[in-house]
Amino acid sequence: PPKRSALEQISEPTPLSKRTFKVLLDREQGCKRVTQFIGVIPPGRAPMHHHTYEEAIYILEGEGRLWTDEGDARFAPGTSIYLPRGASHSLENEGKANIRILGAFHPAEPPATRYED
């Protein structure tokens, strides 16, 4: 039968990133191919980085800018973003309030796994 669960543990900010993640689904719930999470992005910009997985992001709250090697684009609530495996990117929160995102990775990996460019 399907498992319904949401982890209550929220990641702690690290010295490299003040961003936090709440994992909703991952391997611990039996979801072997996808990780789903809620992310909180405070004001500021992360360094350009890439992942070894595909990333899909839906903006729940807040506005900002997506940076890639090909340029930049503004985003707002309701925006969907797809990042292929290995795509260098950064999400910037240009406002004063936190941005909240719903994200998913394929294949399943922890949200904080990234490689700076």
PDB file of N, CA and C in Angstrom:
ATOM      1  N   PRO A   1       0.831  -1.208   0.000  1.00  0.00           N
ATOM      2  CA  PRO A   1       0.000   0.000   0.000  1.00  0.00           C
ATOM      3  C   PRO A   1       0.865   1.259   0.000  1.00  0.00           C
ATOM      4  N   PRO A   2       0.341   2.359  -0.519  1.00  0.00           N
ATOM      5  CA  PRO A   2       1.095   3.615  -0.528  1.00  0.00           C
ATOM      6  C   PRO A   2       1.381   4.084   0.897  1.00  0.00           C
ATOM      7  N   LYS A   3       2.527   4.699   1.072  1.00  0.00           N
ATOM      8  CA  LYS A   3       2.885   5.274   2.372  1.00  0.00           C
ATOM      9  C   LYS A   3       2.615   6.766   2.326  1.00  0.00           C
ATOM     10  N   ARG A   4       1.972   7.274   3.366  1.00  0.00           N
ATOM     11  CA  ARG A   4       1.733   8.713   3.469  1.00  0.00           C
ATOM     12  C   ARG A   4       2.531   9.217   4.652  1.00  0.00           C
ATOM     13  N   SER A   5       3.437  10.091   4.380  1.00  0.00           N
ATOM     14  CA  SER A   5       4.299  10.565   5.450  1.00  0.00           C
ATOM     15  C   SER A   5       4.958  11.869   5.046  1.00  0.00           C
ATOM     16  N   ALA A   6       5.169  12.714   6.004  1.00  0.00           N
ATOM     17  CA  ALA A   6       5.977  13.922   5.791  1.00  0.00           C
ATOM     18  C   ALA A   6       6.953  14.001   6.945  1.00  0.00           C
ATOM     19  N   LEU A   7       8.202  14.107   6.632  1.00  0.00           N
ATOM     20  CA  LEU A   7       9.206  14.220   7.680  1.00  0.00           C
ATOM     21  C   LEU A   7       9.057  15.565   8.370  1.00  0.00           C
ATOM     22  N   GLU A   8       9.106  15.556   9.662  1.00  0.00           N
ATOM     23  CA  GLU A   8       8.988  16.806  10.404  1.00  0.00           C
ATOM     24  C   GLU A   8      10.337  17.491  10.569  1.00  0.00           C
ATOM     25  N   GLN A   9      11.407  16.769  10.276  1.00  0.00           N
ATOM     26  CA  GLN A   9      12.734  17.352  10.442  1.00  0.00           C
ATOM     27  C   GLN A   9      13.021  18.346   9.325  1.00  0.00           C
ATOM     28  N   ILE A  10      13.427  19.521   9.708  1.00  0.00           N
ATOM     29  CA  ILE A  10      13.810  20.552   8.751  1.00  0.00           C
ATOM     30  C   ILE A  10      15.321  20.704   8.849  1.00  0.00           C
ATOM     31  N   SER A  11      15.976  20.755   7.712  1.00  0.00           N
ATOM     32  CA  SER A  11      17.434  20.846   7.717  1.00  0.00           C
ATOM     33  C   SER A  11      17.885  22.135   8.392  1.00  0.00           C
ATOM     34  N   GLU A  12      19.062  22.087   8.957  1.00  0.00           N
ATOM     35  CA  GLU A  12      19.664  23.271   9.566  1.00  0.00           C
ATOM     36  C   GLU A  12      20.432  24.040   8.495  1.00  0.00           C
ATOM     37  N   PRO A  13      20.409  25.369   8.560  1.00  0.00           N
ATOM     38  CA  PRO A  13      21.249  26.127   7.631  1.00  0.00           C
ATOM     39  C   PRO A  13      22.718  25.752   7.839  1.00  0.00           C
ATOM     40  N   THR A  14      23.494  25.791   6.784  1.00  0.00           N
ATOM     41  CA  THR A  14      24.921  25.477   6.866  1.00  0.00           C
ATOM     42  C   THR A  14      25.716  26.766   6.684  1.00  0.00           C
ATOM     43  N   PRO A  15      27.016  26.752   6.984  1.00  0.00           N
ATOM     44  CA  PRO A  15      27.819  27.957   6.770  1.00  0.00           C
ATOM     45  C   PRO A  15      27.817  28.417   5.310  1.00  0.00           C
ATOM     46  N   LEU A  16      27.639  27.481   4.372  1.00  0.00           N
ATOM     47  CA  LEU A  16      27.642  27.850   2.957  1.00  0.00           C
ATOM     48  C   LEU A  16      26.284  28.331   2.479  1.00  0.00           C
ATOM     49  N   SER A  17      25.228  27.978   3.192  1.00  0.00           N
ATOM     50  CA  SER A  17      23.895  28.327   2.724  1.00  0.00           C
ATOM     51  C   SER A  17      22.959  28.512   3.905  1.00  0.00           C
ATOM     52  N   LYS A  18      22.174  29.577   3.881  1.00  0.00           N
ATOM     53  CA  LYS A  18      21.174  29.799   4.920  1.00  0.00           C
ATOM     54  C   LYS A  18      19.834  29.208   4.505  1.00  0.00           C
ATOM     55  N   ARG A  19      19.820  28.476   3.418  1.00  0.00           N
ATOM     56  CA  ARG A  19      18.600  27.854   2.921  1.00  0.00           C
ATOM     57  C   ARG A  19      18.276  26.610   3.731  1.00  0.00           C
ATOM     58  N   THR A  20      16.981  26.369   3.902  1.00  0.00           N
ATOM     59  CA  THR A  20      16.554  25.176   4.628  1.00  0.00           C
ATOM     60  C   THR A  20      15.608  24.362   3.758  1.00  0.00           C
ATOM     61  N   PHE A  21      15.509  23.077   4.074  1.00  0.00           N
ATOM     62  CA  PHE A  21      14.685  22.158   3.300  1.00  0.00           C
ATOM     63  C   PHE A  21      13.904  21.258   4.242  1.00  0.00           C
ATOM     64  N   LYS A  22      12.653  21.009   3.903  1.00  0.00           N
ATOM     65  CA  LYS A  22      11.838  20.012   4.597  1.00  0.00           C
ATOM     66  C   LYS A  22      11.541  18.921   3.578  1.00  0.00           C
ATOM     67  N   VAL A  23      12.113  17.756   3.784  1.00  0.00           N
ATOM     68  CA  VAL A  23      11.898  16.649   2.849  1.00  0.00           C
ATOM     69  C   VAL A  23      10.505  16.079   3.079  1.00  0.00           C
ATOM     70  N   LEU A  24       9.730  15.961   1.999  1.00  0.00           N
ATOM     71  CA  LEU A  24       8.386  15.393   2.070  1.00  0.00           C
ATOM     72  C   LEU A  24       8.397  13.913   1.712  1.00  0.00           C
ATOM     73  N   LEU A  25       9.109  13.575   0.647  1.00  0.00           N
ATOM     74  CA  LEU A  25       9.217  12.189   0.186  1.00  0.00           C
ATOM     75  C   LEU A  25      10.645  11.905  -0.235  1.00  0.00           C
ATOM     76  N   ASP A  26      11.154  10.755   0.171  1.00  0.00           N
ATOM     77  CA  ASP A  26      12.463  10.300  -0.282  1.00  0.00           C
ATOM     78  C   ASP A  26      12.560   8.798  -0.057  1.00  0.00           C
ATOM     79  N   ARG A  27      13.755   8.278  -0.091  1.00  0.00           N
ATOM     80  CA  ARG A  27      13.941   6.827   0.044  1.00  0.00           C
ATOM     81  C   ARG A  27      13.425   6.293   1.377  1.00  0.00           C
ATOM     82  N   GLU A  28      13.452   7.116   2.429  1.00  0.00           N
ATOM     83  CA  GLU A  28      12.972   6.660   3.737  1.00  0.00           C
ATOM     84  C   GLU A  28      11.485   6.337   3.724  1.00  0.00           C
ATOM     85  N   GLN A  29      10.730   6.953   2.836  1.00  0.00           N
ATOM     86  CA  GLN A  29       9.309   6.651   2.700  1.00  0.00           C
ATOM     87  C   GLN A  29       9.055   5.629   1.593  1.00  0.00           C
ATOM     88  N   GLY A  30      10.108   5.087   1.029  1.00  0.00           N
ATOM     89  CA  GLY A  30       9.962   4.098  -0.035  1.00  0.00           C
ATOM     90  C   GLY A  30       9.941   4.695  -1.428  1.00  0.00           C
ATOM     91  N   CYS A  31      10.153   5.998  -1.539  1.00  0.00           N
ATOM     92  CA  CYS A  31      10.167   6.670  -2.841  1.00  0.00           C
ATOM     93  C   CYS A  31      11.595   6.589  -3.379  1.00  0.00           C
ATOM     94  N   LYS A  32      11.864   5.586  -4.182  1.00  0.00           N
ATOM     95  CA  LYS A  32      13.234   5.272  -4.585  1.00  0.00           C
ATOM     96  C   LYS A  32      13.771   6.134  -5.716  1.00  0.00           C
ATOM     97  N   ARG A  33      12.904   6.758  -6.499  1.00  0.00           N
ATOM     98  CA  ARG A  33      13.376   7.469  -7.687  1.00  0.00           C
ATOM     99  C   ARG A  33      13.276   8.989  -7.611  1.00  0.00           C
ATOM    100  N   VAL A  34      12.514   9.502  -6.635  1.00  0.00           N
ATOM    101  CA  VAL A  34      12.269  10.945  -6.577  1.00  0.00           C
ATOM    102  C   VAL A  34      12.395  11.431  -5.132  1.00  0.00           C
ATOM    103  N   THR A  35      12.947  12.625  -4.966  1.00  0.00           N
ATOM    104  CA  THR A  35      12.911  13.331  -3.686  1.00  0.00           C
ATOM    105  C   THR A  35      12.028  14.560  -3.876  1.00  0.00           C
ATOM    106  N   GLN A  36      11.065  14.751  -2.968  1.00  0.00           N
ATOM    107  CA  GLN A  36      10.199  15.931  -3.002  1.00  0.00           C
ATOM    108  C   GLN A  36      10.434  16.708  -1.709  1.00  0.00           C
ATOM    109  N   PHE A  37      10.482  18.036  -1.807  1.00  0.00           N
ATOM    110  CA  PHE A  37      10.803  18.847  -0.635  1.00  0.00           C
ATOM    111  C   PHE A  37      10.193  20.239  -0.738  1.00  0.00           C
ATOM    112  N   ILE A  38      10.080  20.884   0.412  1.00  0.00           N
ATOM    113  CA  ILE A  38       9.767  22.311   0.495  1.00  0.00           C
ATOM    114  C   ILE A  38      11.086  23.005   0.829  1.00  0.00           C
ATOM    115  N   GLY A  39      11.423  24.047   0.103  1.00  0.00           N
ATOM    116  CA  GLY A  39      12.645  24.798   0.359  1.00  0.00           C
ATOM    117  C   GLY A  39      12.326  26.228   0.753  1.00  0.00           C
ATOM    118  N   VAL A  40      13.133  26.780   1.633  1.00  0.00           N
ATOM    119  CA  VAL A  40      13.000  28.179   2.053  1.00  0.00           C
ATOM    120  C   VAL A  40      14.292  28.896   1.677  1.00  0.00           C
ATOM    121  N   ILE A  41      14.143  29.959   0.887  1.00  0.00           N
ATOM    122  CA  ILE A  41      15.290  30.719   0.394  1.00  0.00           C
ATOM    123  C   ILE A  41      15.215  32.125   0.978  1.00  0.00           C
ATOM    124  N   PRO A  42      16.119  32.474   1.901  1.00  0.00           N
ATOM    125  CA  PRO A  42      16.123  33.828   2.455  1.00  0.00           C
ATOM    126  C   PRO A  42      16.699  34.819   1.443  1.00  0.00           C
ATOM    127  N   PRO A  43      16.587  36.112   1.719  1.00  0.00           N
ATOM    128  CA  PRO A  43      17.168  37.097   0.804  1.00  0.00           C
ATOM    129  C   PRO A  43      18.645  36.816   0.537  1.00  0.00           C
ATOM    130  N   GLY A  44      19.042  37.030  -0.704  1.00  0.00           N
ATOM    131  CA  GLY A  44      20.424  36.799  -1.114  1.00  0.00           C
ATOM    132  C   GLY A  44      20.495  35.809  -2.262  1.00  0.00           C
ATOM    133  N   ARG A  45      21.720  35.498  -2.649  1.00  0.00           N
ATOM    134  CA  ARG A  45      21.944  34.614  -3.794  1.00  0.00           C
ATOM    135  C   ARG A  45      22.957  33.537  -3.429  1.00  0.00           C
ATOM    136  N   ALA A  46      22.646  32.313  -3.789  1.00  0.00           N
ATOM    137  CA  ALA A  46      23.585  31.200  -3.606  1.00  0.00           C
ATOM    138  C   ALA A  46      24.623  31.254  -4.717  1.00  0.00           C
ATOM    139  N   PRO A  47      25.795  30.657  -4.503  1.00  0.00           N
ATOM    140  CA  PRO A  47      26.777  30.566  -5.588  1.00  0.00           C
ATOM    141  C   PRO A  47      26.229  29.716  -6.734  1.00  0.00           C
ATOM    142  N   MET A  48      26.739  29.959  -7.924  1.00  0.00           N
ATOM    143  CA  MET A  48      26.372  29.098  -9.052  1.00  0.00           C
ATOM    144  C   MET A  48      26.789  27.673  -8.697  1.00  0.00           C
ATOM    145  N   HIS A  49      25.922  26.714  -9.006  1.00  0.00           N
ATOM    146  CA  HIS A  49      26.185  25.320  -8.678  1.00  0.00           C
ATOM    147  C   HIS A  49      25.408  24.421  -9.629  1.00  0.00           C
ATOM    148  N   HIS A  50      25.642  23.128  -9.545  1.00  0.00           N
ATOM    149  CA  HIS A  50      24.890  22.157 -10.345  1.00  0.00           C
ATOM    150  C   HIS A  50      24.658  20.906  -9.511  1.00  0.00           C
ATOM    151  N   HIS A  51      23.758  20.077  -9.999  1.00  0.00           N
ATOM    152  CA  HIS A  51      23.424  18.821  -9.335  1.00  0.00           C
ATOM    153  C   HIS A  51      23.630  17.670 -10.315  1.00  0.00           C
ATOM    154  N   THR A  52      23.701  16.464  -9.774  1.00  0.00           N
ATOM    155  CA  THR A  52      23.830  15.269 -10.617  1.00  0.00           C
ATOM    156  C   THR A  52      22.464  14.662 -10.911  1.00  0.00           C
ATOM    157  N   TYR A  53      21.408  15.417 -10.667  1.00  0.00           N
ATOM    158  CA  TYR A  53      20.041  14.959 -10.904  1.00  0.00           C
ATOM    159  C   TYR A  53      19.250  16.068 -11.592  1.00  0.00           C
ATOM    160  N   GLU A  54      18.101  15.699 -12.159  1.00  0.00           N
ATOM    161  CA  GLU A  54      17.173  16.685 -12.704  1.00  0.00           C
ATOM    162  C   GLU A  54      16.460  17.358 -11.532  1.00  0.00           C
ATOM    163  N   GLU A  55      16.119  18.624 -11.705  1.00  0.00           N
ATOM    164  CA  GLU A  55      15.432  19.359 -10.649  1.00  0.00           C
ATOM    165  C   GLU A  55      14.227  20.082 -11.234  1.00  0.00           C
ATOM    166  N   ALA A  56      13.083  19.933 -10.570  1.00  0.00           N
ATOM    167  CA  ALA A  56      11.870  20.664 -10.936  1.00  0.00           C
ATOM    168  C   ALA A  56      11.480  21.511  -9.729  1.00  0.00           C
ATOM    169  N   ILE A  57      11.201  22.787  -9.971  1.00  0.00           N
ATOM    170  CA  ILE A  57      10.893  23.728  -8.897  1.00  0.00           C
ATOM    171  C   ILE A  57       9.580  24.430  -9.224  1.00  0.00           C
ATOM    172  N   TYR A  58       8.715  24.577  -8.214  1.00  0.00           N
ATOM    173  CA  TYR A  58       7.495  25.362  -8.336  1.00  0.00           C
ATOM    174  C   TYR A  58       7.564  26.444  -7.259  1.00  0.00           C
ATOM    175  N   ILE A  59       7.412  27.704  -7.657  1.00  0.00           N
ATOM    176  CA  ILE A  59       7.503  28.823  -6.712  1.00  0.00           C
ATOM    177  C   ILE A  59       6.159  28.974  -5.999  1.00  0.00           C
ATOM    178  N   LEU A  60       6.174  28.769  -4.680  1.00  0.00           N
ATOM    179  CA  LEU A  60       4.962  28.908  -3.868  1.00  0.00           C
ATOM    180  C   LEU A  60       4.765  30.346  -3.399  1.00  0.00           C
ATOM    181  N   GLU A  61       5.841  30.964  -2.914  1.00  0.00           N
ATOM    182  CA  GLU A  61       5.783  32.331  -2.383  1.00  0.00           C
ATOM    183  C   GLU A  61       7.073  33.064  -2.710  1.00  0.00           C
ATOM    184  N   GLY A  62       6.948  34.349  -2.976  1.00  0.00           N
ATOM    185  CA  GLY A  62       8.126  35.187  -3.162  1.00  0.00           C
ATOM    186  C   GLY A  62       8.516  35.376  -4.618  1.00  0.00           C
ATOM    187  N   GLU A  63       9.381  36.332  -4.828  1.00  0.00           N
ATOM    188  CA  GLU A  63       9.858  36.660  -6.173  1.00  0.00           C
ATOM    189  C   GLU A  63      11.372  36.723  -6.172  1.00  0.00           C
ATOM    190  N   GLY A  64      11.940  36.468  -7.333  1.00  0.00           N
ATOM    191  CA  GLY A  64      13.389  36.521  -7.432  1.00  0.00           C
ATOM    192  C   GLY A  64      13.852  36.332  -8.857  1.00  0.00           C
ATOM    193  N   ARG A  65      15.079  35.840  -8.974  1.00  0.00           N
ATOM    194  CA  ARG A  65      15.694  35.693 -10.291  1.00  0.00           C
ATOM    195  C   ARG A  65      16.421  34.354 -10.361  1.00  0.00           C
ATOM    196  N   LEU A  66      16.249  33.667 -11.490  1.00  0.00           N
ATOM    197  CA  LEU A  66      16.988  32.447 -11.792  1.00  0.00           C
ATOM    198  C   LEU A  66      18.169  32.824 -12.665  1.00  0.00           C
ATOM    199  N   TRP A  67      19.363  32.400 -12.261  1.00  0.00           N
ATOM    200  CA  TRP A  67      20.581  32.626 -13.034  1.00  0.00           C
ATOM    201  C   TRP A  67      21.045  31.297 -13.603  1.00  0.00           C
ATOM    202  N   THR A  68      21.399  31.284 -14.892  1.00  0.00           N
ATOM    203  CA  THR A  68      21.988  30.110 -15.543  1.00  0.00           C
ATOM    204  C   THR A  68      23.143  30.590 -16.418  1.00  0.00           C
ATOM    205  N   ASP A  69      23.840  29.653 -17.021  1.00  0.00           N
ATOM    206  CA  ASP A  69      24.919  30.024 -17.944  1.00  0.00           C
ATOM    207  C   ASP A  69      24.388  30.768 -19.163  1.00  0.00           C
ATOM    208  N   GLU A  70      23.100  30.629 -19.442  1.00  0.00           N
ATOM    209  CA  GLU A  70      22.503  31.248 -20.627  1.00  0.00           C
ATOM    210  C   GLU A  70      21.861  32.594 -20.344  1.00  0.00           C
ATOM    211  N   GLY A  71      21.882  33.039 -19.081  1.00  0.00           N
ATOM    212  CA  GLY A  71      21.269  34.317 -18.758  1.00  0.00           C
ATOM    213  C   GLY A  71      20.477  34.234 -17.472  1.00  0.00           C
ATOM    214  N   ASP A  72      19.522  35.148 -17.329  1.00  0.00           N
ATOM    215  CA  ASP A  72      18.712  35.180 -16.122  1.00  0.00           C
ATOM    216  C   ASP A  72      17.261  35.439 -16.479  1.00  0.00           C
ATOM    217  N   ALA A  73      16.372  35.092 -15.558  1.00  0.00           N
ATOM    218  CA  ALA A  73      14.937  35.297 -15.755  1.00  0.00           C
ATOM    219  C   ALA A  73      14.285  35.495 -14.394  1.00  0.00           C
ATOM    220  N   ARG A  74      13.336  36.404 -14.343  1.00  0.00           N
ATOM    221  CA  ARG A  74      12.595  36.643 -13.105  1.00  0.00           C
ATOM    222  C   ARG A  74      11.585  35.527 -12.889  1.00  0.00           C
ATOM    223  N   PHE A  75      11.256  35.285 -11.616  1.00  0.00           N
ATOM    224  CA  PHE A  75      10.194  34.329 -11.289  1.00  0.00           C
ATOM    225  C   PHE A  75       9.332  34.898 -10.173  1.00  0.00           C
ATOM    226  N   ALA A  76       8.107  34.379 -10.079  1.00  0.00           N
ATOM    227  CA  ALA A  76       7.119  34.812  -9.102  1.00  0.00           C
ATOM    228  C   ALA A  76       6.274  33.592  -8.729  1.00  0.00           C
ATOM    229  N   PRO A  77       5.386  33.726  -7.741  1.00  0.00           N
ATOM    230  CA  PRO A  77       4.539  32.590  -7.392  1.00  0.00           C
ATOM    231  C   PRO A  77       3.808  32.041  -8.621  1.00  0.00           C
ATOM    232  N   GLY A  78       3.783  30.722  -8.719  1.00  0.00           N
ATOM    233  CA  GLY A  78       3.151  30.061  -9.854  1.00  0.00           C
ATOM    234  C   GLY A  78       4.114  29.702 -10.967  1.00  0.00           C
ATOM    235  N   THR A  79       5.361  30.160 -10.883  1.00  0.00           N
ATOM    236  CA  THR A  79       6.368  29.836 -11.898  1.00  0.00           C
ATOM    237  C   THR A  79       6.881  28.417 -11.684  1.00  0.00           C
ATOM    238  N   SER A  80       7.017  27.661 -12.771  1.00  0.00           N
ATOM    239  CA  SER A  80       7.664  26.346 -12.741  1.00  0.00           C
ATOM    240  C   SER A  80       9.013  26.454 -13.434  1.00  0.00           C
ATOM    241  N   ILE A  81      10.018  25.804 -12.862  1.00  0.00           N
ATOM    242  CA  ILE A  81      11.381  25.837 -13.397  1.00  0.00           C
ATOM    243  C   ILE A  81      11.870  24.407 -13.538  1.00  0.00           C
ATOM    244  N   TYR A  82      12.442  24.077 -14.689  1.00  0.00           N
ATOM    245  CA  TYR A  82      13.068  22.767 -14.894  1.00  0.00           C
ATOM    246  C   TYR A  82      14.559  22.970 -15.131  1.00  0.00           C
ATOM    247  N   LEU A  83      15.374  22.223 -14.406  1.00  0.00           N
ATOM    248  CA  LEU A  83      16.828  22.288 -14.558  1.00  0.00           C
ATOM    249  C   LEU A  83      17.347  20.898 -14.889  1.00  0.00           C
ATOM    250  N   PRO A  84      17.905  20.710 -16.087  1.00  0.00           N
ATOM    251  CA  PRO A  84      18.453  19.398 -16.442  1.00  0.00           C
ATOM    252  C   PRO A  84      19.652  19.042 -15.564  1.00  0.00           C
ATOM    253  N   ARG A  85      19.946  17.792 -15.512  1.00  0.00           N
ATOM    254  CA  ARG A  85      21.115  17.288 -14.785  1.00  0.00           C
ATOM    255  C   ARG A  85      22.365  18.040 -15.250  1.00  0.00           C
ATOM    256  N   GLY A  86      23.158  18.536 -14.301  1.00  0.00           N
ATOM    257  CA  GLY A  86      24.411  19.209 -14.625  1.00  0.00           C
ATOM    258  C   GLY A  86      24.291  20.676 -14.998  1.00  0.00           C
ATOM    259  N   ALA A  87      23.061  21.230 -15.056  1.00  0.00           N
ATOM    260  CA  ALA A  87      22.876  22.634 -15.447  1.00  0.00           C
ATOM    261  C   ALA A  87      23.329  23.566 -14.318  1.00  0.00           C
ATOM    262  N   SER A  88      24.251  24.455 -14.619  1.00  0.00           N
ATOM    263  CA  SER A  88      24.731  25.425 -13.647  1.00  0.00           C
ATOM    264  C   SER A  88      23.645  26.476 -13.420  1.00  0.00           C
ATOM    265  N   HIS A  89      23.339  26.762 -12.142  1.00  0.00           N
ATOM    266  CA  HIS A  89      22.247  27.689 -11.847  1.00  0.00           C
ATOM    267  C   HIS A  89      22.385  28.267 -10.441  1.00  0.00           C
ATOM    268  N   SER A  90      21.578  29.280 -10.174  1.00  0.00           N
ATOM    269  CA  SER A  90      21.450  29.873  -8.850  1.00  0.00           C
ATOM    270  C   SER A  90      20.097  30.568  -8.781  1.00  0.00           C
ATOM    271  N   LEU A  91      19.405  30.405  -7.662  1.00  0.00           N
ATOM    272  CA  LEU A  91      18.171  31.148  -7.421  1.00  0.00           C
ATOM    273  C   LEU A  91      18.506  32.305  -6.486  1.00  0.00           C
ATOM    274  N   GLU A  92      18.097  33.498  -6.876  1.00  0.00           N
ATOM    275  CA  GLU A  92      18.360  34.684  -6.063  1.00  0.00           C
ATOM    276  C   GLU A  92      17.061  35.236  -5.515  1.00  0.00           C
ATOM    277  N   ASN A  93      17.028  35.481  -4.223  1.00  0.00           N
ATOM    278  CA  ASN A  93      15.912  36.146  -3.580  1.00  0.00           C
ATOM    279  C   ASN A  93      16.272  37.621  -3.497  1.00  0.00           C
ATOM    280  N   GLU A  94      15.623  38.430  -4.322  1.00  0.00           N
ATOM    281  CA  GLU A  94      15.922  39.862  -4.376  1.00  0.00           C
ATOM    282  C   GLU A  94      15.073  40.673  -3.406  1.00  0.00           C
ATOM    283  N   GLY A  95      14.140  40.002  -2.722  1.00  0.00           N
ATOM    284  CA  GLY A  95      13.240  40.711  -1.821  1.00  0.00           C
ATOM    285  C   GLY A  95      13.695  40.682  -0.376  1.00  0.00           C
ATOM    286  N   LYS A  96      12.757  41.022   0.525  1.00  0.00           N
ATOM    287  CA  LYS A  96      13.041  41.039   1.958  1.00  0.00           C
ATOM    288  C   LYS A  96      12.435  39.842   2.680  1.00  0.00           C
ATOM    289  N   ALA A  97      11.427  39.216   2.081  1.00  0.00           N
ATOM    290  CA  ALA A  97      10.774  38.050   2.688  1.00  0.00           C
ATOM    291  C   ALA A  97      11.328  36.768   2.063  1.00  0.00           C
ATOM    292  N   ASN A  98      11.183  35.664   2.779  1.00  0.00           N
ATOM    293  CA  ASN A  98      11.640  34.376   2.257  1.00  0.00           C
ATOM    294  C   ASN A  98      10.862  33.948   1.022  1.00  0.00           C
ATOM    295  N   ILE A  99      11.525  33.217   0.147  1.00  0.00           N
ATOM    296  CA  ILE A  99      10.879  32.525  -0.970  1.00  0.00           C
ATOM    297  C   ILE A  99      10.631  31.097  -0.510  1.00  0.00           C
ATOM    298  N   ARG A 100       9.460  30.552  -0.839  1.00  0.00           N
ATOM    299  CA  ARG A 100       9.162  29.138  -0.553  1.00  0.00           C
ATOM    300  C   ARG A 100       8.950  28.419  -1.875  1.00  0.00           C
ATOM    301  N   ILE A 101       9.594  27.264  -2.000  1.00  0.00           N
ATOM    302  CA  ILE A 101       9.482  26.481  -3.228  1.00  0.00           C
ATOM    303  C   ILE A 101       9.057  25.057  -2.902  1.00  0.00           C
ATOM    304  N   LEU A 102       8.409  24.429  -3.865  1.00  0.00           N
ATOM    305  CA  LEU A 102       8.164  22.993  -3.849  1.00  0.00           C
ATOM    306  C   LEU A 102       9.092  22.426  -4.904  1.00  0.00           C
ATOM    307  N   GLY A 103       9.962  21.510  -4.505  1.00  0.00           N
ATOM    308  CA  GLY A 103      10.942  20.980  -5.438  1.00  0.00           C
ATOM    309  C   GLY A 103      10.902  19.472  -5.513  1.00  0.00           C
ATOM    310  N   ALA A 104      11.444  18.946  -6.606  1.00  0.00           N
ATOM    311  CA  ALA A 104      11.572  17.498  -6.780  1.00  0.00           C
ATOM    312  C   ALA A 104      12.856  17.215  -7.543  1.00  0.00           C
ATOM    313  N   PHE A 105      13.513  16.134  -7.152  1.00  0.00           N
ATOM    314  CA  PHE A 105      14.740  15.680  -7.811  1.00  0.00           C
ATOM    315  C   PHE A 105      14.538  14.279  -8.358  1.00  0.00           C
ATOM    316  N   HIS A 106      15.140  14.017  -9.493  1.00  0.00           N
ATOM    317  CA  HIS A 106      15.178  12.668 -10.061  1.00  0.00           C
ATOM    318  C   HIS A 106      16.557  12.438 -10.632  1.00  0.00           C
ATOM    319  N   PRO A 107      17.264  11.393 -10.260  1.00  0.00           N
ATOM    320  CA  PRO A 107      16.889  10.411  -9.236  1.00  0.00           C
ATOM    321  C   PRO A 107      16.972  11.004  -7.835  1.00  0.00           C
ATOM    322  N   ALA A 108      16.427  10.276  -6.873  1.00  0.00           N
ATOM    323  CA  ALA A 108      16.320  10.752  -5.494  1.00  0.00           C
ATOM    324  C   ALA A 108      17.686  11.044  -4.884  1.00  0.00           C
ATOM    325  N   GLU A 109      17.831  12.241  -4.342  1.00  0.00           N
ATOM    326  CA  GLU A 109      19.039  12.670  -3.629  1.00  0.00           C
ATOM    327  C   GLU A 109      18.614  13.692  -2.577  1.00  0.00           C
ATOM    328  N   PRO A 110      19.423  13.937  -1.562  1.00  0.00           N
ATOM    329  CA  PRO A 110      19.103  14.978  -0.583  1.00  0.00           C
ATOM    330  C   PRO A 110      19.135  16.370  -1.232  1.00  0.00           C
ATOM    331  N   PRO A 111      18.237  17.286  -0.814  1.00  0.00           N
ATOM    332  CA  PRO A 111      18.203  18.627  -1.412  1.00  0.00           C
ATOM    333  C   PRO A 111      19.500  19.416  -1.278  1.00  0.00           C
ATOM    334  N   ALA A 112      20.273  19.164  -0.258  1.00  0.00           N
ATOM    335  CA  ALA A 112      21.491  19.952  -0.049  1.00  0.00           C
ATOM    336  C   ALA A 112      22.682  19.458  -0.871  1.00  0.00           C
ATOM    337  N   THR A 113      22.521  18.373  -1.627  1.00  0.00           N
ATOM    338  CA  THR A 113      23.628  17.852  -2.434  1.00  0.00           C
ATOM    339  C   THR A 113      23.822  18.736  -3.656  1.00  0.00           C
ATOM    340  N   ARG A 114      24.945  19.449  -3.693  1.00  0.00           N
ATOM    341  CA  ARG A 114      25.224  20.335  -4.825  1.00  0.00           C
ATOM    342  C   ARG A 114      26.724  20.438  -5.015  1.00  0.00           C
ATOM    343  N   TYR A 115      27.103  20.862  -6.203  1.00  0.00           N
ATOM    344  CA  TYR A 115      28.505  21.007  -6.559  1.00  0.00           C
ATOM    345  C   TYR A 115      28.706  22.414  -7.089  1.00  0.00           C
ATOM    346  N   GLU A 116      29.512  23.215  -6.394  1.00  0.00           N
ATOM    347  CA  GLU A 116      29.727  24.594  -6.827  1.00  0.00           C
ATOM    348  C   GLU A 116      30.548  24.626  -8.100  1.00  0.00           C
ATOM    349  N   ASP A 117      30.217  25.577  -8.967  1.00  0.00           N
ATOM    350  CA  ASP A 117      30.911  25.747 -10.246  1.00  0.00           C
ATOM    351  C   ASP A 117      32.069  26.709 -10.107  1.00  0.00           C
TER     352      ASP A 117
END
